[in-house]
């Protein structure tokens, strides 16, 4: 059976996705994009993002050159 979204994202990320899906009917396209951008920026400083970043770097997965997280992503 192929992996599902629930198999590959953190509980925090799943909660954000569900919240966005429930709200989609009440938001304009512009508002939905703003919320999505806000959530994405917040995810870069979350513990689950940094844990996934550390895990992927130890697994030997290749990243694009210059793909190290910036100070903003590390939560300064």
PDB file of N, CA and C in Angstrom:
ATOM      1  N   UNK A   1       0.852  -1.179   0.000  1.00  0.00           N
ATOM      2  CA  UNK A   1       0.000   0.000   0.000  1.00  0.00           C
ATOM      3  C   UNK A   1       0.896   1.241   0.000  1.00  0.00           C
ATOM      4  N   UNK A   2       0.620   2.217  -0.845  1.00  0.00           N
ATOM      5  CA  UNK A   2       1.460   3.411  -0.892  1.00  0.00           C
ATOM      6  C   UNK A   2       1.324   4.228   0.390  1.00  0.00           C
ATOM      7  N   UNK A   3       2.387   4.950   0.760  1.00  0.00           N
ATOM      8  CA  UNK A   3       2.313   5.776   1.963  1.00  0.00           C
ATOM      9  C   UNK A   3       1.280   6.889   1.802  1.00  0.00           C
ATOM     10  N   UNK A   4       0.690   7.262   2.907  1.00  0.00           N
ATOM     11  CA  UNK A   4      -0.309   8.327   2.893  1.00  0.00           C
ATOM     12  C   UNK A   4       0.274   9.584   3.514  1.00  0.00           C
ATOM     13  N   UNK A   5      -0.444  10.672   3.383  1.00  0.00           N
ATOM     14  CA  UNK A   5      -0.019  11.931   3.977  1.00  0.00           C
ATOM     15  C   UNK A   5       0.180  11.760   5.483  1.00  0.00           C
ATOM     16  N   UNK A   6      -0.716  11.039   6.122  1.00  0.00           N
ATOM     17  CA  UNK A   6      -0.615  10.827   7.571  1.00  0.00           C
ATOM     18  C   UNK A   6       0.646  10.064   7.951  1.00  0.00           C
ATOM     19  N   UNK A   7       1.195   9.279   7.027  1.00  0.00           N
ATOM     20  CA  UNK A   7       2.429   8.534   7.299  1.00  0.00           C
ATOM     21  C   UNK A   7       3.670   9.408   7.185  1.00  0.00           C
ATOM     22  N   UNK A   8       3.538  10.565   6.550  1.00  0.00           N
ATOM     23  CA  UNK A   8       4.726  11.346   6.211  1.00  0.00           C
ATOM     24  C   UNK A   8       4.781  12.755   6.773  1.00  0.00           C
ATOM     25  N   UNK A   9       3.805  13.153   7.537  1.00  0.00           N
ATOM     26  CA  UNK A   9       3.843  14.510   8.101  1.00  0.00           C
ATOM     27  C   UNK A   9       3.702  14.439   9.616  1.00  0.00           C
ATOM     28  N   UNK A  10       4.152  15.474  10.270  1.00  0.00           N
ATOM     29  CA  UNK A  10       4.076  15.525  11.731  1.00  0.00           C
ATOM     30  C   UNK A  10       2.633  15.787  12.163  1.00  0.00           C
ATOM     31  N   UNK A  11       2.320  15.477  13.414  1.00  0.00           N
ATOM     32  CA  UNK A  11       0.986  15.799  13.920  1.00  0.00           C
ATOM     33  C   UNK A  11       0.674  17.296  13.812  1.00  0.00           C
ATOM     34  N   UNK A  12       1.668  18.139  14.036  1.00  0.00           N
ATOM     35  CA  UNK A  12       1.472  19.587  13.912  1.00  0.00           C
ATOM     36  C   UNK A  12       1.075  19.945  12.481  1.00  0.00           C
ATOM     37  N   UNK A  13       1.797  19.390  11.524  1.00  0.00           N
ATOM     38  CA  UNK A  13       1.493  19.686  10.121  1.00  0.00           C
ATOM     39  C   UNK A  13       0.114  19.185   9.730  1.00  0.00           C
ATOM     40  N   UNK A  14      -0.257  17.997  10.208  1.00  0.00           N
ATOM     41  CA  UNK A  14      -1.581  17.462   9.899  1.00  0.00           C
ATOM     42  C   UNK A  14      -2.670  18.361  10.477  1.00  0.00           C
ATOM     43  N   UNK A  15      -2.452  18.884  11.682  1.00  0.00           N
ATOM     44  CA  UNK A  15      -3.436  19.790  12.291  1.00  0.00           C
ATOM     45  C   UNK A  15      -3.577  21.065  11.469  1.00  0.00           C
ATOM     46  N   UNK A  16      -2.468  21.606  10.970  1.00  0.00           N
ATOM     47  CA  UNK A  16      -2.515  22.818  10.145  1.00  0.00           C
ATOM     48  C   UNK A  16      -3.278  22.538   8.855  1.00  0.00           C
ATOM     49  N   UNK A  17      -2.990  21.405   8.235  1.00  0.00           N
ATOM     50  CA  UNK A  17      -3.675  21.044   6.985  1.00  0.00           C
ATOM     51  C   UNK A  17      -5.184  20.923   7.218  1.00  0.00           C
ATOM     52  N   UNK A  18      -5.564  20.220   8.282  1.00  0.00           N
ATOM     53  CA  UNK A  18      -6.989  20.056   8.574  1.00  0.00           C
ATOM     54  C   UNK A  18      -7.663  21.398   8.849  1.00  0.00           C
ATOM     55  N   UNK A  19      -6.994  22.254   9.618  1.00  0.00           N
ATOM     56  CA  UNK A  19      -7.555  23.574   9.921  1.00  0.00           C
ATOM     57  C   UNK A  19      -7.766  24.375   8.636  1.00  0.00           C
ATOM     58  N   UNK A  20      -6.798  24.318   7.727  1.00  0.00           N
ATOM     59  CA  UNK A  20      -6.924  25.045   6.462  1.00  0.00           C
ATOM     60  C   UNK A  20      -8.062  24.477   5.608  1.00  0.00           C
ATOM     61  N   UNK A  21      -8.187  23.167   5.573  1.00  0.00           N
ATOM     62  CA  UNK A  21      -9.260  22.566   4.780  1.00  0.00           C
ATOM     63  C   UNK A  21     -10.642  22.917   5.327  1.00  0.00           C
ATOM     64  N   UNK A  22     -10.782  22.921   6.651  1.00  0.00           N
ATOM     65  CA  UNK A  22     -12.068  23.283   7.243  1.00  0.00           C
ATOM     66  C   UNK A  22     -12.412  24.745   6.984  1.00  0.00           C
ATOM     67  N   UNK A  23     -11.413  25.619   6.890  1.00  0.00           N
ATOM     68  CA  UNK A  23     -11.658  27.054   6.734  1.00  0.00           C
ATOM     69  C   UNK A  23     -11.819  27.484   5.278  1.00  0.00           C
ATOM     70  N   UNK A  24     -11.500  26.617   4.340  1.00  0.00           N
ATOM     71  CA  UNK A  24     -11.441  27.029   2.936  1.00  0.00           C
ATOM     72  C   UNK A  24     -12.763  27.619   2.432  1.00  0.00           C
ATOM     73  N   UNK A  25     -13.878  27.145   2.921  1.00  0.00           N
ATOM     74  CA  UNK A  25     -15.169  27.652   2.462  1.00  0.00           C
ATOM     75  C   UNK A  25     -15.491  29.060   2.918  1.00  0.00           C
ATOM     76  N   UNK A  26     -14.823  29.504   3.980  1.00  0.00           N
ATOM     77  CA  UNK A  26     -15.106  30.836   4.517  1.00  0.00           C
ATOM     78  C   UNK A  26     -14.083  31.880   4.092  1.00  0.00           C
ATOM     79  N   UNK A  27     -13.075  31.492   3.340  1.00  0.00           N
ATOM     80  CA  UNK A  27     -12.001  32.420   2.973  1.00  0.00           C
ATOM     81  C   UNK A  27     -12.024  32.737   1.490  1.00  0.00           C
ATOM     82  N   UNK A  28     -11.634  33.949   1.170  1.00  0.00           N
ATOM     83  CA  UNK A  28     -11.411  34.288  -0.237  1.00  0.00           C
ATOM     84  C   UNK A  28     -10.089  33.652  -0.663  1.00  0.00           C
ATOM     85  N   UNK A  29      -9.820  33.634  -1.931  1.00  0.00           N
ATOM     86  CA  UNK A  29      -8.559  33.083  -2.424  1.00  0.00           C
ATOM     87  C   UNK A  29      -7.384  33.848  -1.808  1.00  0.00           C
ATOM     88  N   UNK A  30      -7.497  35.152  -1.773  1.00  0.00           N
ATOM     89  CA  UNK A  30      -6.427  35.982  -1.204  1.00  0.00           C
ATOM     90  C   UNK A  30      -6.196  35.631   0.272  1.00  0.00           C
ATOM     91  N   UNK A  31      -7.276  35.504   1.034  1.00  0.00           N
ATOM     92  CA  UNK A  31      -7.146  35.166   2.455  1.00  0.00           C
ATOM     93  C   UNK A  31      -6.532  33.776   2.626  1.00  0.00           C
ATOM     94  N   UNK A  32      -6.955  32.831   1.814  1.00  0.00           N
ATOM     95  CA  UNK A  32      -6.420  31.467   1.913  1.00  0.00           C
ATOM     96  C   UNK A  32      -4.919  31.458   1.634  1.00  0.00           C
ATOM     97  N   UNK A  33      -4.486  32.232   0.646  1.00  0.00           N
ATOM     98  CA  UNK A  33      -3.056  32.316   0.325  1.00  0.00           C
ATOM     99  C   UNK A  33      -2.297  32.958   1.478  1.00  0.00           C
ATOM    100  N   UNK A  34      -2.861  34.014   2.056  1.00  0.00           N
ATOM    101  CA  UNK A  34      -2.206  34.678   3.183  1.00  0.00           C
ATOM    102  C   UNK A  34      -2.074  33.730   4.378  1.00  0.00           C
ATOM    103  N   UNK A  35      -3.133  32.996   4.665  1.00  0.00           N
ATOM    104  CA  UNK A  35      -3.089  32.034   5.772  1.00  0.00           C
ATOM    105  C   UNK A  35      -2.045  30.953   5.475  1.00  0.00           C
ATOM    106  N   UNK A  36      -2.055  30.444   4.257  1.00  0.00           N
ATOM    107  CA  UNK A  36      -1.085  29.414   3.875  1.00  0.00           C
ATOM    108  C   UNK A  36       0.350  29.899   3.997  1.00  0.00           C
ATOM    109  N   UNK A  37       0.592  31.119   3.543  1.00  0.00           N
ATOM    110  CA  UNK A  37       1.941  31.674   3.650  1.00  0.00           C
ATOM    111  C   UNK A  37       2.348  31.856   5.101  1.00  0.00           C
ATOM    112  N   UNK A  38       1.425  32.335   5.923  1.00  0.00           N
ATOM    113  CA  UNK A  38       1.705  32.524   7.342  1.00  0.00           C
ATOM    114  C   UNK A  38       2.030  31.181   8.011  1.00  0.00           C
ATOM    115  N   UNK A  39       1.238  30.173   7.725  1.00  0.00           N
ATOM    116  CA  UNK A  39       1.465  28.844   8.302  1.00  0.00           C
ATOM    117  C   UNK A  39       2.787  28.257   7.829  1.00  0.00           C
ATOM    118  N   UNK A  40       3.116  28.459   6.565  1.00  0.00           N
ATOM    119  CA  UNK A  40       4.367  27.930   6.028  1.00  0.00           C
ATOM    120  C   UNK A  40       5.561  28.574   6.731  1.00  0.00           C
ATOM    121  N   UNK A  41       5.532  29.898   6.876  1.00  0.00           N
ATOM    122  CA  UNK A  41       6.635  30.575   7.556  1.00  0.00           C
ATOM    123  C   UNK A  41       6.749  30.108   9.003  1.00  0.00           C
ATOM    124  N   UNK A  42       5.621  29.922   9.666  1.00  0.00           N
ATOM    125  CA  UNK A  42       5.644  29.417  11.035  1.00  0.00           C
ATOM    126  C   UNK A  42       6.213  28.014  11.134  1.00  0.00           C
ATOM    127  N   UNK A  43       5.990  27.218  10.112  1.00  0.00           N
ATOM    128  CA  UNK A  43       6.478  25.838  10.154  1.00  0.00           C
ATOM    129  C   UNK A  43       7.999  25.776  10.121  1.00  0.00           C
ATOM    130  N   UNK A  44       8.635  26.757   9.490  1.00  0.00           N
ATOM    131  CA  UNK A  44      10.095  26.729   9.370  1.00  0.00           C
ATOM    132  C   UNK A  44      10.805  26.885  10.712  1.00  0.00           C
ATOM    133  N   UNK A  45      10.126  27.438  11.698  1.00  0.00           N
ATOM    134  CA  UNK A  45      10.740  27.609  13.016  1.00  0.00           C
ATOM    135  C   UNK A  45      10.224  26.584  14.021  1.00  0.00           C
ATOM    136  N   UNK A  46       9.397  25.662  13.572  1.00  0.00           N
ATOM    137  CA  UNK A  46       8.837  24.668  14.491  1.00  0.00           C
ATOM    138  C   UNK A  46       9.855  23.563  14.770  1.00  0.00           C
ATOM    139  N   UNK A  47       9.691  22.951  15.919  1.00  0.00           N
ATOM    140  CA  UNK A  47      10.597  21.868  16.313  1.00  0.00           C
ATOM    141  C   UNK A  47      10.500  20.682  15.354  1.00  0.00           C
ATOM    142  N   UNK A  48       9.292  20.368  14.874  1.00  0.00           N
ATOM    143  CA  UNK A  48       9.161  19.216  13.975  1.00  0.00           C
ATOM    144  C   UNK A  48       9.879  19.452  12.651  1.00  0.00           C
ATOM    145  N   UNK A  49       9.899  20.689  12.171  1.00  0.00           N
ATOM    146  CA  UNK A  49      10.621  20.997  10.929  1.00  0.00           C
ATOM    147  C   UNK A  49      12.116  20.795  11.140  1.00  0.00           C
ATOM    148  N   UNK A  50      12.646  21.328  12.247  1.00  0.00           N
ATOM    149  CA  UNK A  50      14.079  21.209  12.491  1.00  0.00           C
ATOM    150  C   UNK A  50      14.478  19.748  12.732  1.00  0.00           C
ATOM    151  N   UNK A  51      13.621  18.983  13.397  1.00  0.00           N
ATOM    152  CA  UNK A  51      13.901  17.563  13.613  1.00  0.00           C
ATOM    153  C   UNK A  51      13.934  16.835  12.262  1.00  0.00           C
ATOM    154  N   UNK A  52      12.992  17.137  11.392  1.00  0.00           N
ATOM    155  CA  UNK A  52      12.974  16.514  10.059  1.00  0.00           C
ATOM    156  C   UNK A  52      14.200  16.930   9.261  1.00  0.00           C
ATOM    157  N   UNK A  53      14.609  18.175   9.408  1.00  0.00           N
ATOM    158  CA  UNK A  53      15.799  18.669   8.693  1.00  0.00           C
ATOM    159  C   UNK A  53      17.034  17.900   9.160  1.00  0.00           C
ATOM    160  N   UNK A  54      17.169  17.756  10.477  1.00  0.00           N
ATOM    161  CA  UNK A  54      18.326  17.025  11.019  1.00  0.00           C
ATOM    162  C   UNK A  54      18.289  15.562  10.580  1.00  0.00           C
ATOM    163  N   UNK A  55      17.121  14.957  10.598  1.00  0.00           N
ATOM    164  CA  UNK A  55      16.985  13.561  10.210  1.00  0.00           C
ATOM    165  C   UNK A  55      17.350  13.360   8.747  1.00  0.00           C
ATOM    166  N   UNK A  56      16.885  14.247   7.885  1.00  0.00           N
ATOM    167  CA  UNK A  56      17.178  14.084   6.451  1.00  0.00           C
ATOM    168  C   UNK A  56      18.654  14.324   6.176  1.00  0.00           C
ATOM    169  N   UNK A  57      19.304  15.181   6.951  1.00  0.00           N
ATOM    170  CA  UNK A  57      20.730  15.418   6.719  1.00  0.00           C
ATOM    171  C   UNK A  57      21.549  14.207   7.157  1.00  0.00           C
ATOM    172  N   UNK A  58      21.094  13.498   8.189  1.00  0.00           N
ATOM    173  CA  UNK A  58      21.802  12.290   8.639  1.00  0.00           C
ATOM    174  C   UNK A  58      21.537  11.110   7.714  1.00  0.00           C
ATOM    175  N   UNK A  59      20.422  11.147   6.999  1.00  0.00           N
ATOM    176  CA  UNK A  59      20.083  10.009   6.145  1.00  0.00           C
ATOM    177  C   UNK A  59      20.869  10.017   4.838  1.00  0.00           C
ATOM    178  N   UNK A  60      21.593  11.095   4.584  1.00  0.00           N
ATOM    179  CA  UNK A  60      22.387  11.174   3.371  1.00  0.00           C
ATOM    180  C   UNK A  60      21.613  11.614   2.148  1.00  0.00           C
ATOM    181  N   UNK A  61      20.362  12.024   2.334  1.00  0.00           N
ATOM    182  CA  UNK A  61      19.578  12.502   1.195  1.00  0.00           C
ATOM    183  C   UNK A  61      20.224  13.754   0.649  1.00  0.00           C
ATOM    184  N   UNK A  62      20.306  13.831  -0.651  1.00  0.00           N
ATOM    185  CA  UNK A  62      20.923  14.996  -1.269  1.00  0.00           C
ATOM    186  C   UNK A  62      19.995  16.185  -1.262  1.00  0.00           C
ATOM    187  N   UNK A  63      20.575  17.334  -1.019  1.00  0.00           N
ATOM    188  CA  UNK A  63      19.836  18.588  -1.079  1.00  0.00           C
ATOM    189  C   UNK A  63      20.451  19.461  -2.144  1.00  0.00           C
ATOM    190  N   UNK A  64      19.688  20.435  -2.549  1.00  0.00           N
ATOM    191  CA  UNK A  64      20.209  21.403  -3.518  1.00  0.00           C
ATOM    192  C   UNK A  64      21.335  22.186  -2.877  1.00  0.00           C
ATOM    193  N   UNK A  65      22.330  22.634  -3.665  1.00  0.00           N
ATOM    194  CA  UNK A  65      23.398  23.460  -3.107  1.00  0.00           C
ATOM    195  C   UNK A  65      22.806  24.709  -2.450  1.00  0.00           C
ATOM    196  N   UNK A  66      23.341  25.075  -1.307  1.00  0.00           N
ATOM    197  CA  UNK A  66      22.860  26.267  -0.601  1.00  0.00           C
ATOM    198  C   UNK A  66      21.547  26.057   0.101  1.00  0.00           C
ATOM    199  N   UNK A  67      21.162  24.816   0.362  1.00  0.00           N
ATOM    200  CA  UNK A  67      19.845  24.544   0.938  1.00  0.00           C
ATOM    201  C   UNK A  67      19.852  24.536   2.464  1.00  0.00           C
ATOM    202  N   UNK A  68      20.922  24.974   3.095  1.00  0.00           N
ATOM    203  CA  UNK A  68      20.946  25.018   4.548  1.00  0.00           C
ATOM    204  C   UNK A  68      19.926  26.033   5.051  1.00  0.00           C
ATOM    205  N   UNK A  69      19.275  25.759   6.184  1.00  0.00           N
ATOM    206  CA  UNK A  69      18.289  26.703   6.691  1.00  0.00           C
ATOM    207  C   UNK A  69      18.939  28.017   7.091  1.00  0.00           C
ATOM    208  N   UNK A  70      18.270  29.095   6.826  1.00  0.00           N
ATOM    209  CA  UNK A  70      18.791  30.408   7.194  1.00  0.00           C
ATOM    210  C   UNK A  70      18.527  30.654   8.665  1.00  0.00           C
ATOM    211  N   UNK A  71      19.059  31.752   9.189  1.00  0.00           N
ATOM    212  CA  UNK A  71      18.849  32.095  10.595  1.00  0.00           C
ATOM    213  C   UNK A  71      17.365  32.222  10.886  1.00  0.00           C
ATOM    214  N   UNK A  72      16.596  32.764   9.944  1.00  0.00           N
ATOM    215  CA  UNK A  72      15.149  32.927  10.156  1.00  0.00           C
ATOM    216  C   UNK A  72      14.493  31.572  10.322  1.00  0.00           C
ATOM    217  N   UNK A  73      14.937  30.565   9.586  1.00  0.00           N
ATOM    218  CA  UNK A  73      14.342  29.250   9.667  1.00  0.00           C
ATOM    219  C   UNK A  73      14.769  28.542  10.951  1.00  0.00           C
ATOM    220  N   UNK A  74      15.930  28.890  11.482  1.00  0.00           N
ATOM    221  CA  UNK A  74      16.407  28.243  12.704  1.00  0.00           C
ATOM    222  C   UNK A  74      15.806  28.892  13.936  1.00  0.00           C
ATOM    223  N   UNK A  75      14.980  29.897  13.775  1.00  0.00           N
ATOM    224  CA  UNK A  75      14.321  30.512  14.891  1.00  0.00           C
ATOM    225  C   UNK A  75      15.140  31.586  15.586  1.00  0.00           C
ATOM    226  N   UNK A  76      16.225  31.966  14.971  1.00  0.00           N
ATOM    227  CA  UNK A  76      17.132  33.012  15.490  1.00  0.00           C
ATOM    228  C   UNK A  76      17.268  32.930  16.968  1.00  0.00           C
TER     229      UNK A  76
END
